[in-house]
Amino acid sequence: MYILGISCYYHDAAAGLLKDGEIVAAAQEERFTRKKHDDSFPTNAIKFCLTHAGITSRQLDYVGFYDKPLVKFDRILETFISVAPRGIRFFTVAMPIWLRQKLWVKDLIKKELEYDGEIIFAEHHQSHAASAFFASPFEDAAILTIDGVGEWTTTSYGYGSGNKITLTHEIKFPHSLGLLYSAFTQYLGFKVNSGEYKVMGLAPYGKPIYYDLIMENMIDLKDDGSFKLNMDYFAYTYAQQMINDKFVELFGHPPREPESKIEPYHFDIAMSIQRVTEEVMLRMANYVFEETGLKNLCLAGGVALNSVANGRIIRETPFEEVFIQPAAGDAGGGG
C-alpha cells in the first residue's frame, strides 16, 4: 500500500511517501525551488518521492493532507468577526488566497497528481503527533505537540499505543506558545516563521532580566503548563504584524530594524523569552508524565525545534527516553 502525505500553503511545504507503513521518501519543496521555507504546492517534492519509489500517482492508495483547510478557514472567519472592524485590512488581504487556492486543496491535488483516489484530511496536531510517535522506536509513549496554530489548536498532549494516538488535552488559538515566541522574533527584527532560531541563538549572550515582566503581564501560566496570553499586547488576531504599541511600551524600546546593530538589550530580551518558553514546556512535559505515567515522550510541532528547551526536558523531567521529530515543524506534518 502506498500513501502520499502533503503539507503546504503555510510554510515549509513538503511531501512524504509510505509503502506498507515504512517511509520510502520525503522531501521539502525548498530543496528543489531554492526558495527558503517555500510554502507552495510541493510539485517537485511529490515528483521526487514517486520517482524514488518507481511508481506513478495512479498507484497511490491514499493521499493525506496535513490539516483541515475548511476548519482553519472557520477559525479565520470567527476571529475576524470577534475583532471587527479592526481586522478588516488583514481580512481582505487573507481572503483572496483562500478563495482562489486554499479552499480548493482537494481539487488541486486531483489535478496536479491526476489522481482519482481517496484524499484524507487530518487534523493538524494529529499530523504532528503521528509524525513523532510513528517515527519513534516506542510501542507506547506520551505525546506533546506545540506550534503556532493548526486549525484551532496550538498545543496538544496525550499518548500513543501501537497504531493508535489519543490526544486528551489542547490549548486553542489565540493562546499560543509558538505565536508568543514569534512575536518576540518580530520585535527583535527577524522574520516570523524563519528567524526564531536566531532568537534562541541570541539568548545565551543575554540575561533573563525581563522574565518576570513577561510572566506578570503577557502570560497567565498554570502549574500544569496550560496558559492564556494577554491579548492586549498582541496584534496577530487582527493585523499582519505580531505586536502592537502596548507590547513596545512594556519594554520601553522600539522594535529592532532588520539588519540593524544588535544591542545588549536585544540579547536580554531573547534570553527572557527563551526562559519563559522553557518554563512553559517543562511544566507541560511534567504534567503529561503525571497524567500518562509513561516513561517515553514524543515531541513535535514547530516549538519542538527549540533544542535548548528540549535539552531541559530531557535532563529535568522524569521521562527516561525522549524522541524529537527531526522535521518537527509543518514539513514533518505532511512529509
C-alpha atoms as a PDB file:
ATOM      1  CA  MET A   1       0.000   0.000   0.000  1.00  0.00           C
ATOM      2  CA  TYR A   2       1.305   3.449  -0.966  1.00  0.00           C
ATOM      3  CA  ILE A   3       0.273   6.591   0.934  1.00  0.00           C
ATOM      4  CA  LEU A   4       1.436  10.063  -0.075  1.00  0.00           C
ATOM      5  CA  GLY A   5       1.462  12.813   2.558  1.00  0.00           C
ATOM      6  CA  ILE A   6       1.385  16.511   1.622  1.00  0.00           C
ATOM      7  CA  SER A   7       1.808  19.770   3.554  1.00  0.00           C
ATOM      8  CA  CYS A   8       1.754  23.253   2.014  1.00  0.00           C
ATOM      9  CA  TYR A   9       0.306  26.777   1.942  1.00  0.00           C
ATOM     10  CA  TYR A  10       1.659  27.958   5.285  1.00  0.00           C
ATOM     11  CA  HIS A  11       5.417  27.407   5.309  1.00  0.00           C
ATOM     12  CA  ASP A  12       7.889  24.609   4.579  1.00  0.00           C
ATOM     13  CA  ALA A  13       5.840  22.679   2.027  1.00  0.00           C
ATOM     14  CA  ALA A  14       6.798  19.013   1.806  1.00  0.00           C
ATOM     15  CA  ALA A  15       5.785  15.546   0.689  1.00  0.00           C
ATOM     16  CA  GLY A  16       6.446  12.076   2.034  1.00  0.00           C
ATOM     17  CA  LEU A  17       5.706   8.602   0.716  1.00  0.00           C
ATOM     18  CA  LEU A  18       4.937   5.475   2.750  1.00  0.00           C
ATOM     19  CA  LYS A  19       4.953   1.913   1.480  1.00  0.00           C
ATOM     20  CA  ASP A  20       3.234  -0.533   3.820  1.00  0.00           C
ATOM     21  CA  GLY A  21       3.826   1.821   6.725  1.00  0.00           C
ATOM     22  CA  GLU A  22       7.521   2.400   6.044  1.00  0.00           C
ATOM     23  CA  ILE A  23       8.979   5.693   4.821  1.00  0.00           C
ATOM     24  CA  VAL A  24      10.188   5.382   1.235  1.00  0.00           C
ATOM     25  CA  ALA A  25      10.998   9.022   0.524  1.00  0.00           C
ATOM     26  CA  ALA A  26      10.423  12.516   1.891  1.00  0.00           C
ATOM     27  CA  ALA A  27      11.479  15.976   0.763  1.00  0.00           C
ATOM     28  CA  GLN A  28      10.820  19.678   1.266  1.00  0.00           C
ATOM     29  CA  GLU A  29       9.870  21.764  -1.729  1.00  0.00           C
ATOM     30  CA  GLU A  30      12.542  24.366  -0.925  1.00  0.00           C
ATOM     31  CA  ARG A  31      15.238  21.821  -1.817  1.00  0.00           C
ATOM     32  CA  PHE A  32      14.121  21.984  -5.436  1.00  0.00           C
ATOM     33  CA  THR A  33      12.935  25.572  -5.844  1.00  0.00           C
ATOM     34  CA  ARG A  34      15.789  27.045  -3.754  1.00  0.00           C
ATOM     35  CA  LYS A  35      13.203  29.315  -2.114  1.00  0.00           C
ATOM     36  CA  LYS A  36      13.677  29.180   1.645  1.00  0.00           C
ATOM     37  CA  HIS A  37      10.556  27.984   3.510  1.00  0.00           C
ATOM     38  CA  ASP A  38       8.712  27.622   0.190  1.00  0.00           C
ATOM     39  CA  ASP A  39       5.001  27.169   1.001  1.00  0.00           C
ATOM     40  CA  SER A  40       3.723  26.418  -2.493  1.00  0.00           C
ATOM     41  CA  PHE A  41       2.154  23.146  -3.584  1.00  0.00           C
ATOM     42  CA  PRO A  42       5.083  20.666  -3.400  1.00  0.00           C
ATOM     43  CA  THR A  43       5.037  19.530  -7.029  1.00  0.00           C
ATOM     44  CA  ASN A  44       8.770  18.874  -7.122  1.00  0.00           C
ATOM     45  CA  ALA A  45       8.874  17.085  -3.774  1.00  0.00           C
ATOM     46  CA  ILE A  46       5.998  14.826  -4.844  1.00  0.00           C
ATOM     47  CA  LYS A  47       7.712  14.034  -8.131  1.00  0.00           C
ATOM     48  CA  PHE A  48      10.906  13.163  -6.247  1.00  0.00           C
ATOM     49  CA  CYS A  49       9.066  10.787  -3.893  1.00  0.00           C
ATOM     50  CA  LEU A  50       7.221   8.992  -6.683  1.00  0.00           C
ATOM     51  CA  THR A  51      10.320   8.714  -8.852  1.00  0.00           C
ATOM     52  CA  HIS A  52      12.395   7.418  -5.940  1.00  0.00           C
ATOM     53  CA  ALA A  53       9.808   4.680  -5.362  1.00  0.00           C
ATOM     54  CA  GLY A  54       9.495   3.911  -9.065  1.00  0.00           C
ATOM     55  CA  ILE A  55       5.731   4.454  -9.143  1.00  0.00           C
ATOM     56  CA  THR A  56       3.186   6.882 -10.627  1.00  0.00           C
ATOM     57  CA  SER A  57       0.415   8.739  -8.845  1.00  0.00           C
ATOM     58  CA  ARG A  58      -2.098   6.236 -10.205  1.00  0.00           C
ATOM     59  CA  GLN A  59      -0.526   3.591  -7.971  1.00  0.00           C
ATOM     60  CA  LEU A  60      -1.241   5.547  -4.807  1.00  0.00           C
ATOM     61  CA  ASP A  61      -3.834   4.055  -2.472  1.00  0.00           C
ATOM     62  CA  TYR A  62      -4.347   7.225  -0.434  1.00  0.00           C
ATOM     63  CA  VAL A  63      -3.237  10.847  -0.356  1.00  0.00           C
ATOM     64  CA  GLY A  64      -3.198  12.608   3.008  1.00  0.00           C
ATOM     65  CA  PHE A  65      -3.172  16.352   3.641  1.00  0.00           C
ATOM     66  CA  TYR A  66      -1.718  17.607   6.914  1.00  0.00           C
ATOM     67  CA  ASP A  67      -4.630  19.726   8.128  1.00  0.00           C
ATOM     68  CA  LYS A  68      -8.275  20.607   7.555  1.00  0.00           C
ATOM     69  CA  PRO A  69      -8.472  23.778   5.421  1.00  0.00           C
ATOM     70  CA  LEU A  70     -12.201  24.324   5.999  1.00  0.00           C
ATOM     71  CA  VAL A  71     -11.772  24.257   9.777  1.00  0.00           C
ATOM     72  CA  LYS A  72      -8.829  26.636   9.529  1.00  0.00           C
ATOM     73  CA  PHE A  73     -10.936  28.952   7.347  1.00  0.00           C
ATOM     74  CA  ASP A  74     -13.658  28.827  10.003  1.00  0.00           C
ATOM     75  CA  ARG A  75     -11.118  29.998  12.582  1.00  0.00           C
ATOM     76  CA  ILE A  76     -10.121  32.944  10.384  1.00  0.00           C
ATOM     77  CA  LEU A  77     -13.767  33.958   9.901  1.00  0.00           C
ATOM     78  CA  GLU A  78     -14.634  33.625  13.585  1.00  0.00           C
ATOM     79  CA  THR A  79     -11.534  35.569  14.600  1.00  0.00           C
ATOM     80  CA  PHE A  80     -12.363  38.374  12.169  1.00  0.00           C
ATOM     81  CA  ILE A  81     -15.930  38.623  13.470  1.00  0.00           C
ATOM     82  CA  SER A  82     -14.669  38.742  17.067  1.00  0.00           C
ATOM     83  CA  VAL A  83     -12.301  41.672  16.430  1.00  0.00           C
ATOM     84  CA  ALA A  84     -14.198  43.537  13.673  1.00  0.00           C
ATOM     85  CA  PRO A  85     -13.882  46.180  12.426  1.00  0.00           C
ATOM     86  CA  ARG A  86     -10.212  46.271  13.475  1.00  0.00           C
ATOM     87  CA  GLY A  87      -9.144  43.369  11.275  1.00  0.00           C
ATOM     88  CA  ILE A  88     -10.786  44.431   8.024  1.00  0.00           C
ATOM     89  CA  ARG A  89      -7.488  45.173   6.258  1.00  0.00           C
ATOM     90  CA  PHE A  90      -5.920  41.891   7.375  1.00  0.00           C
ATOM     91  CA  PHE A  91      -9.077  40.009   6.391  1.00  0.00           C
ATOM     92  CA  THR A  92      -9.197  41.491   2.884  1.00  0.00           C
ATOM     93  CA  VAL A  93      -5.541  40.580   2.346  1.00  0.00           C
ATOM     94  CA  ALA A  94      -6.062  36.988   3.518  1.00  0.00           C
ATOM     95  CA  MET A  95      -9.300  36.234   1.670  1.00  0.00           C
ATOM     96  CA  PRO A  96      -8.128  36.200  -1.976  1.00  0.00           C
ATOM     97  CA  ILE A  97      -5.577  33.411  -1.449  1.00  0.00           C
ATOM     98  CA  TRP A  98      -8.155  31.375   0.454  1.00  0.00           C
ATOM     99  CA  LEU A  99     -10.891  31.840  -2.126  1.00  0.00           C
ATOM    100  CA  ARG A 100      -8.536  31.243  -5.043  1.00  0.00           C
ATOM    101  CA  GLN A 101      -6.445  28.379  -3.695  1.00  0.00           C
ATOM    102  CA  LYS A 102      -6.516  27.159  -0.102  1.00  0.00           C
ATOM    103  CA  LEU A 103     -10.196  26.171  -0.033  1.00  0.00           C
ATOM    104  CA  TRP A 104      -9.758  24.000  -3.105  1.00  0.00           C
ATOM    105  CA  VAL A 105      -6.900  21.765  -1.969  1.00  0.00           C
ATOM    106  CA  LYS A 106      -8.794  18.581  -2.803  1.00  0.00           C
ATOM    107  CA  ASP A 107      -9.407  19.666  -6.398  1.00  0.00           C
ATOM    108  CA  LEU A 108      -5.809  20.854  -6.727  1.00  0.00           C
ATOM    109  CA  ILE A 109      -4.413  17.525  -5.525  1.00  0.00           C
ATOM    110  CA  LYS A 110      -6.553  15.640  -8.020  1.00  0.00           C
ATOM    111  CA  LYS A 111      -5.497  17.946 -10.847  1.00  0.00           C
ATOM    112  CA  GLU A 112      -1.785  18.105 -10.047  1.00  0.00           C
ATOM    113  CA  LEU A 113      -1.439  14.371  -9.453  1.00  0.00           C
ATOM    114  CA  GLU A 114      -4.023  13.187 -11.992  1.00  0.00           C
ATOM    115  CA  TYR A 115      -5.354  11.185  -9.064  1.00  0.00           C
ATOM    116  CA  ASP A 116      -8.924   9.933  -8.533  1.00  0.00           C
ATOM    117  CA  GLY A 117      -8.453   8.017  -5.288  1.00  0.00           C
ATOM    118  CA  GLU A 118      -9.296   8.860  -1.685  1.00  0.00           C
ATOM    119  CA  ILE A 119      -7.912  12.028  -0.093  1.00  0.00           C
ATOM    120  CA  ILE A 120      -7.743  12.207   3.696  1.00  0.00           C
ATOM    121  CA  PHE A 121      -7.591  15.480   5.627  1.00  0.00           C
ATOM    122  CA  ALA A 122      -6.058  15.028   9.077  1.00  0.00           C
ATOM    123  CA  GLU A 123      -6.209  17.434  11.989  1.00  0.00           C
ATOM    124  CA  HIS A 124      -3.027  19.487  12.143  1.00  0.00           C
ATOM    125  CA  HIS A 125      -1.925  18.375  15.602  1.00  0.00           C
ATOM    126  CA  GLN A 126      -2.853  14.781  14.886  1.00  0.00           C
ATOM    127  CA  SER A 127      -0.422  15.035  11.963  1.00  0.00           C
ATOM    128  CA  HIS A 128       2.296  16.368  14.259  1.00  0.00           C
ATOM    129  CA  ALA A 129       1.595  13.647  16.820  1.00  0.00           C
ATOM    130  CA  ALA A 130       1.677  10.907  14.191  1.00  0.00           C
ATOM    131  CA  SER A 131       4.895  12.244  12.681  1.00  0.00           C
ATOM    132  CA  ALA A 132       6.624  11.872  16.042  1.00  0.00           C
ATOM    133  CA  PHE A 133       5.061   8.756  17.545  1.00  0.00           C
ATOM    134  CA  PHE A 134       5.068   6.528  14.459  1.00  0.00           C
ATOM    135  CA  ALA A 135       8.647   7.518  13.629  1.00  0.00           C
ATOM    136  CA  SER A 136       9.800   6.814  17.176  1.00  0.00           C
ATOM    137  CA  PRO A 137      11.119   3.460  18.427  1.00  0.00           C
ATOM    138  CA  PHE A 138       8.414   3.326  21.111  1.00  0.00           C
ATOM    139  CA  GLU A 139       5.440   0.991  21.351  1.00  0.00           C
ATOM    140  CA  ASP A 140       3.875   3.281  23.970  1.00  0.00           C
ATOM    141  CA  ALA A 141       4.678   6.937  24.644  1.00  0.00           C
ATOM    142  CA  ALA A 142       3.322  10.228  25.887  1.00  0.00           C
ATOM    143  CA  ILE A 143       2.966  12.820  23.117  1.00  0.00           C
ATOM    144  CA  LEU A 144       3.342  16.593  23.291  1.00  0.00           C
ATOM    145  CA  THR A 145       2.857  18.843  20.246  1.00  0.00           C
ATOM    146  CA  ILE A 146       3.442  22.597  20.379  1.00  0.00           C
ATOM    147  CA  ASP A 147       3.384  25.090  17.486  1.00  0.00           C
ATOM    148  CA  GLY A 148       1.958  28.412  16.341  1.00  0.00           C
ATOM    149  CA  VAL A 149      -1.502  27.255  15.332  1.00  0.00           C
ATOM    150  CA  GLY A 150      -3.104  24.498  13.306  1.00  0.00           C
ATOM    151  CA  GLU A 151      -6.843  24.739  12.733  1.00  0.00           C
ATOM    152  CA  TRP A 152      -7.675  25.994  16.237  1.00  0.00           C
ATOM    153  CA  THR A 153      -5.250  24.011  18.391  1.00  0.00           C
ATOM    154  CA  THR A 154      -1.855  25.436  19.346  1.00  0.00           C
ATOM    155  CA  THR A 155      -0.778  22.756  21.827  1.00  0.00           C
ATOM    156  CA  SER A 156      -1.952  19.197  22.383  1.00  0.00           C
ATOM    157  CA  TYR A 157      -0.912  16.290  24.511  1.00  0.00           C
ATOM    158  CA  GLY A 158      -1.902  12.705  25.035  1.00  0.00           C
ATOM    159  CA  TYR A 159      -0.412   9.308  24.290  1.00  0.00           C
ATOM    160  CA  GLY A 160       0.225   6.725  21.608  1.00  0.00           C
ATOM    161  CA  SER A 161      -0.003   2.956  21.826  1.00  0.00           C
ATOM    162  CA  GLY A 162       0.559   0.526  18.973  1.00  0.00           C
ATOM    163  CA  ASN A 163      -1.042   2.075  15.919  1.00  0.00           C
ATOM    164  CA  LYS A 164      -3.360   4.422  17.821  1.00  0.00           C
ATOM    165  CA  ILE A 165      -2.935   8.007  19.023  1.00  0.00           C
ATOM    166  CA  THR A 166      -5.182   9.647  21.608  1.00  0.00           C
ATOM    167  CA  LEU A 167      -4.883  13.368  22.291  1.00  0.00           C
ATOM    168  CA  THR A 168      -6.570  14.267  25.563  1.00  0.00           C
ATOM    169  CA  HIS A 169      -5.750  17.935  26.171  1.00  0.00           C
ATOM    170  CA  GLU A 170      -5.378  21.011  23.999  1.00  0.00           C
ATOM    171  CA  ILE A 171      -4.815  24.759  24.109  1.00  0.00           C
ATOM    172  CA  LYS A 172      -6.583  26.795  21.457  1.00  0.00           C
ATOM    173  CA  PHE A 173      -5.907  29.933  19.444  1.00  0.00           C
ATOM    174  CA  PRO A 174      -5.209  32.764  20.150  1.00  0.00           C
ATOM    175  CA  HIS A 175      -3.280  31.382  23.131  1.00  0.00           C
ATOM    176  CA  SER A 176      -0.104  30.021  21.579  1.00  0.00           C
ATOM    177  CA  LEU A 177       3.433  29.474  22.799  1.00  0.00           C
ATOM    178  CA  GLY A 178       4.664  29.428  19.207  1.00  0.00           C
ATOM    179  CA  LEU A 179       2.996  32.749  18.383  1.00  0.00           C
ATOM    180  CA  LEU A 180       4.330  34.253  21.617  1.00  0.00           C
ATOM    181  CA  TYR A 181       7.868  33.319  20.577  1.00  0.00           C
ATOM    182  CA  SER A 182       7.222  34.597  17.052  1.00  0.00           C
ATOM    183  CA  ALA A 183       6.025  37.926  18.450  1.00  0.00           C
ATOM    184  CA  PHE A 184       9.403  38.373  20.113  1.00  0.00           C
ATOM    185  CA  THR A 185      11.097  37.189  16.928  1.00  0.00           C
ATOM    186  CA  GLN A 186       9.442  40.059  15.075  1.00  0.00           C
ATOM    187  CA  TYR A 187      10.210  42.527  17.885  1.00  0.00           C
ATOM    188  CA  LEU A 188      13.882  41.582  17.643  1.00  0.00           C
ATOM    189  CA  GLY A 189      13.921  42.322  13.906  1.00  0.00           C
ATOM    190  CA  PHE A 190      13.754  38.795  12.475  1.00  0.00           C
ATOM    191  CA  LYS A 191      11.286  37.195  10.105  1.00  0.00           C
ATOM    192  CA  VAL A 192       8.410  35.249  11.634  1.00  0.00           C
ATOM    193  CA  ASN A 193       8.391  31.507  10.819  1.00  0.00           C
ATOM    194  CA  SER A 194      12.025  31.810   9.795  1.00  0.00           C
ATOM    195  CA  GLY A 195      14.105  33.706  12.348  1.00  0.00           C
ATOM    196  CA  GLU A 196      13.014  32.046  15.579  1.00  0.00           C
ATOM    197  CA  TYR A 197      16.250  30.043  15.708  1.00  0.00           C
ATOM    198  CA  LYS A 198      18.151  33.334  15.725  1.00  0.00           C
ATOM    199  CA  VAL A 199      16.336  34.376  18.904  1.00  0.00           C
ATOM    200  CA  MET A 200      17.340  31.092  20.505  1.00  0.00           C
ATOM    201  CA  GLY A 201      20.896  31.734  19.321  1.00  0.00           C
ATOM    202  CA  LEU A 202      20.989  35.241  20.803  1.00  0.00           C
ATOM    203  CA  ALA A 203      19.658  34.112  24.169  1.00  0.00           C
ATOM    204  CA  PRO A 204      22.889  32.733  25.718  1.00  0.00           C
ATOM    205  CA  TYR A 205      24.514  36.152  25.344  1.00  0.00           C
ATOM    206  CA  GLY A 206      21.868  37.866  27.463  1.00  0.00           C
ATOM    207  CA  LYS A 207      20.326  37.762  30.913  1.00  0.00           C
ATOM    208  CA  PRO A 208      16.655  36.943  31.630  1.00  0.00           C
ATOM    209  CA  ILE A 209      16.019  40.320  33.236  1.00  0.00           C
ATOM    210  CA  TYR A 210      12.600  40.670  31.543  1.00  0.00           C
ATOM    211  CA  TYR A 211      11.386  37.210  32.533  1.00  0.00           C
ATOM    212  CA  ASP A 212       9.205  38.495  35.370  1.00  0.00           C
ATOM    213  CA  LEU A 213       7.867  41.339  33.216  1.00  0.00           C
ATOM    214  CA  ILE A 214       6.708  38.852  30.586  1.00  0.00           C
ATOM    215  CA  MET A 215       5.266  36.410  33.129  1.00  0.00           C
ATOM    216  CA  GLU A 216       3.406  39.113  35.035  1.00  0.00           C
ATOM    217  CA  ASN A 217       1.958  40.922  32.034  1.00  0.00           C
ATOM    218  CA  MET A 218       1.778  38.700  28.962  1.00  0.00           C
ATOM    219  CA  ILE A 219       1.091  35.148  30.071  1.00  0.00           C
ATOM    220  CA  ASP A 220      -1.010  33.537  32.787  1.00  0.00           C
ATOM    221  CA  LEU A 221       0.797  30.237  33.300  1.00  0.00           C
ATOM    222  CA  LYS A 222      -0.648  27.412  35.391  1.00  0.00           C
ATOM    223  CA  ASP A 223       1.255  24.649  37.178  1.00  0.00           C
ATOM    224  CA  ASP A 224       0.196  22.113  34.543  1.00  0.00           C
ATOM    225  CA  GLY A 225       1.686  24.209  31.718  1.00  0.00           C
ATOM    226  CA  SER A 226      -1.653  25.434  30.404  1.00  0.00           C
ATOM    227  CA  PHE A 227      -1.757  29.173  29.851  1.00  0.00           C
ATOM    228  CA  LYS A 228      -3.569  32.152  28.434  1.00  0.00           C
ATOM    229  CA  LEU A 229      -1.957  35.108  26.744  1.00  0.00           C
ATOM    230  CA  ASN A 230      -2.946  38.684  27.496  1.00  0.00           C
ATOM    231  CA  MET A 231      -4.069  39.642  24.007  1.00  0.00           C
ATOM    232  CA  ASP A 232      -3.813  43.354  24.846  1.00  0.00           C
ATOM    233  CA  TYR A 233      -0.138  43.045  23.844  1.00  0.00           C
ATOM    234  CA  PHE A 234      -0.552  41.259  20.510  1.00  0.00           C
ATOM    235  CA  ALA A 235      -1.899  42.201  17.080  1.00  0.00           C
ATOM    236  CA  TYR A 236      -1.906  38.868  15.238  1.00  0.00           C
ATOM    237  CA  THR A 237      -5.667  38.358  15.554  1.00  0.00           C
ATOM    238  CA  TYR A 238      -6.389  41.481  13.530  1.00  0.00           C
ATOM    239  CA  ALA A 239      -3.217  42.513  11.671  1.00  0.00           C
ATOM    240  CA  GLN A 240      -0.323  41.078   9.689  1.00  0.00           C
ATOM    241  CA  GLN A 241       2.165  42.097  12.363  1.00  0.00           C
ATOM    242  CA  MET A 242       2.503  40.177  15.607  1.00  0.00           C
ATOM    243  CA  ILE A 243       2.871  43.002  18.123  1.00  0.00           C
ATOM    244  CA  ASN A 244       1.221  46.331  18.914  1.00  0.00           C
ATOM    245  CA  ASP A 245       2.122  49.610  20.601  1.00  0.00           C
ATOM    246  CA  LYS A 246       1.370  48.287  24.079  1.00  0.00           C
ATOM    247  CA  PHE A 247       3.897  45.485  23.553  1.00  0.00           C
ATOM    248  CA  VAL A 248       6.552  48.042  22.628  1.00  0.00           C
ATOM    249  CA  GLU A 249       5.664  50.330  25.530  1.00  0.00           C
ATOM    250  CA  LEU A 250       6.061  47.489  28.024  1.00  0.00           C
ATOM    251  CA  PHE A 251       9.751  47.127  27.187  1.00  0.00           C
ATOM    252  CA  GLY A 252      10.445  50.811  26.552  1.00  0.00           C
ATOM    253  CA  HIS A 253      12.387  50.274  23.322  1.00  0.00           C
ATOM    254  CA  PRO A 254      11.236  50.373  19.693  1.00  0.00           C
ATOM    255  CA  PRO A 255      11.319  47.169  17.640  1.00  0.00           C
ATOM    256  CA  ARG A 256      14.733  46.445  16.176  1.00  0.00           C
ATOM    257  CA  GLU A 257      15.014  47.254  12.485  1.00  0.00           C
ATOM    258  CA  PRO A 258      16.070  44.248  10.386  1.00  0.00           C
ATOM    259  CA  GLU A 259      19.826  44.149   9.727  1.00  0.00           C
ATOM    260  CA  SER A 260      20.483  46.898  12.301  1.00  0.00           C
ATOM    261  CA  LYS A 261      23.016  46.509  15.095  1.00  0.00           C
ATOM    262  CA  ILE A 262      22.104  44.084  17.865  1.00  0.00           C
ATOM    263  CA  GLU A 263      22.423  45.783  21.232  1.00  0.00           C
ATOM    264  CA  PRO A 264      22.897  44.175  24.675  1.00  0.00           C
ATOM    265  CA  TYR A 265      19.226  44.888  25.360  1.00  0.00           C
ATOM    266  CA  HIS A 266      18.233  42.593  22.495  1.00  0.00           C
ATOM    267  CA  PHE A 267      20.245  39.734  23.971  1.00  0.00           C
ATOM    268  CA  ASP A 268      18.402  40.189  27.280  1.00  0.00           C
ATOM    269  CA  ILE A 269      15.011  40.148  25.559  1.00  0.00           C
ATOM    270  CA  ALA A 270      15.968  36.955  23.718  1.00  0.00           C
ATOM    271  CA  MET A 271      17.119  35.236  26.909  1.00  0.00           C
ATOM    272  CA  SER A 272      13.960  36.318  28.732  1.00  0.00           C
ATOM    273  CA  ILE A 273      11.501  34.876  26.207  1.00  0.00           C
ATOM    274  CA  GLN A 274      13.665  31.778  25.860  1.00  0.00           C
ATOM    275  CA  ARG A 275      13.445  31.171  29.618  1.00  0.00           C
ATOM    276  CA  VAL A 276       9.683  31.728  29.553  1.00  0.00           C
ATOM    277  CA  THR A 277       9.372  29.175  26.742  1.00  0.00           C
ATOM    278  CA  GLU A 278      11.480  26.663  28.628  1.00  0.00           C
ATOM    279  CA  GLU A 279       9.401  27.076  31.772  1.00  0.00           C
ATOM    280  CA  VAL A 280       6.138  26.524  29.879  1.00  0.00           C
ATOM    281  CA  MET A 281       7.478  23.428  28.113  1.00  0.00           C
ATOM    282  CA  LEU A 282       8.894  21.952  31.323  1.00  0.00           C
ATOM    283  CA  ARG A 283       5.576  22.348  33.118  1.00  0.00           C
ATOM    284  CA  MET A 284       3.734  20.806  30.187  1.00  0.00           C
ATOM    285  CA  ALA A 285       6.097  17.842  29.979  1.00  0.00           C
ATOM    286  CA  ASN A 286       5.926  17.185  33.727  1.00  0.00           C
ATOM    287  CA  TYR A 287       2.136  17.299  33.621  1.00  0.00           C
ATOM    288  CA  VAL A 288       1.987  14.903  30.672  1.00  0.00           C
ATOM    289  CA  PHE A 289       4.189  12.489  32.613  1.00  0.00           C
ATOM    290  CA  GLU A 290       1.897  12.715  35.646  1.00  0.00           C
ATOM    291  CA  GLU A 291      -1.208  12.177  33.507  1.00  0.00           C
ATOM    292  CA  THR A 292       0.068   9.288  31.397  1.00  0.00           C
ATOM    293  CA  GLY A 293       2.586   7.583  33.680  1.00  0.00           C
ATOM    294  CA  LEU A 294       4.539   6.625  30.571  1.00  0.00           C
ATOM    295  CA  LYS A 295       8.328   6.605  30.554  1.00  0.00           C
ATOM    296  CA  ASN A 296       8.715   7.699  26.905  1.00  0.00           C
ATOM    297  CA  LEU A 297       7.884  11.075  25.367  1.00  0.00           C
ATOM    298  CA  CYS A 298       7.462  12.131  21.727  1.00  0.00           C
ATOM    299  CA  LEU A 299       7.745  15.814  20.812  1.00  0.00           C
ATOM    300  CA  ALA A 300       6.621  17.560  17.614  1.00  0.00           C
ATOM    301  CA  GLY A 301       5.366  20.903  16.318  1.00  0.00           C
ATOM    302  CA  GLY A 302       7.473  23.916  15.398  1.00  0.00           C
ATOM    303  CA  VAL A 303       8.242  24.809  19.021  1.00  0.00           C
ATOM    304  CA  ALA A 304       9.828  21.357  19.415  1.00  0.00           C
ATOM    305  CA  LEU A 305      12.625  22.708  17.208  1.00  0.00           C
ATOM    306  CA  ASN A 306      13.783  24.693  20.246  1.00  0.00           C
ATOM    307  CA  SER A 307      16.714  22.463  21.081  1.00  0.00           C
ATOM    308  CA  VAL A 308      17.599  24.303  24.294  1.00  0.00           C
ATOM    309  CA  ALA A 309      14.131  23.718  25.749  1.00  0.00           C
ATOM    310  CA  ASN A 310      14.252  20.126  24.517  1.00  0.00           C
ATOM    311  CA  GLY A 311      17.531  19.601  26.331  1.00  0.00           C
ATOM    312  CA  ARG A 312      15.995  20.751  29.587  1.00  0.00           C
ATOM    313  CA  ILE A 313      13.043  18.390  29.103  1.00  0.00           C
ATOM    314  CA  ILE A 314      15.490  15.508  28.615  1.00  0.00           C
ATOM    315  CA  ARG A 315      17.515  16.461  31.691  1.00  0.00           C
ATOM    316  CA  GLU A 316      14.885  17.788  34.097  1.00  0.00           C
ATOM    317  CA  THR A 317      11.728  15.712  33.619  1.00  0.00           C
ATOM    318  CA  PRO A 318      11.071  12.116  34.748  1.00  0.00           C
ATOM    319  CA  PHE A 319      10.903  10.745  31.203  1.00  0.00           C
ATOM    320  CA  GLU A 320      13.501   8.045  30.568  1.00  0.00           C
ATOM    321  CA  GLU A 321      13.532   8.435  26.769  1.00  0.00           C
ATOM    322  CA  VAL A 322      12.555  11.396  24.578  1.00  0.00           C
ATOM    323  CA  PHE A 323      12.077  11.234  20.805  1.00  0.00           C
ATOM    324  CA  ILE A 324      12.019  14.570  18.969  1.00  0.00           C
ATOM    325  CA  GLN A 325      10.755  14.547  15.401  1.00  0.00           C
ATOM    326  CA  PRO A 326      13.713  15.805  13.281  1.00  0.00           C
ATOM    327  CA  ALA A 327      11.282  17.632  10.983  1.00  0.00           C
ATOM    328  CA  ALA A 328       9.184  18.809  13.906  1.00  0.00           C
ATOM    329  CA  GLY A 329       7.571  21.711  12.022  1.00  0.00           C
ATOM    330  CA  ASP A 330       4.966  21.674   9.283  1.00  0.00           C
ATOM    331  CA  ALA A 331       7.284  19.898   6.843  1.00  0.00           C
ATOM    332  CA  GLY A 332       7.137  16.806   9.036  1.00  0.00           C
ATOM    333  CA  GLY A 333       3.370  17.029   9.375  1.00  0.00           C
ATOM    334  CA  GLY A 334       2.846  16.138   5.745  1.00  0.00           C
ATOM    335  CA  GLY A 335       6.186  14.849   4.621  1.00  0.00           C
END
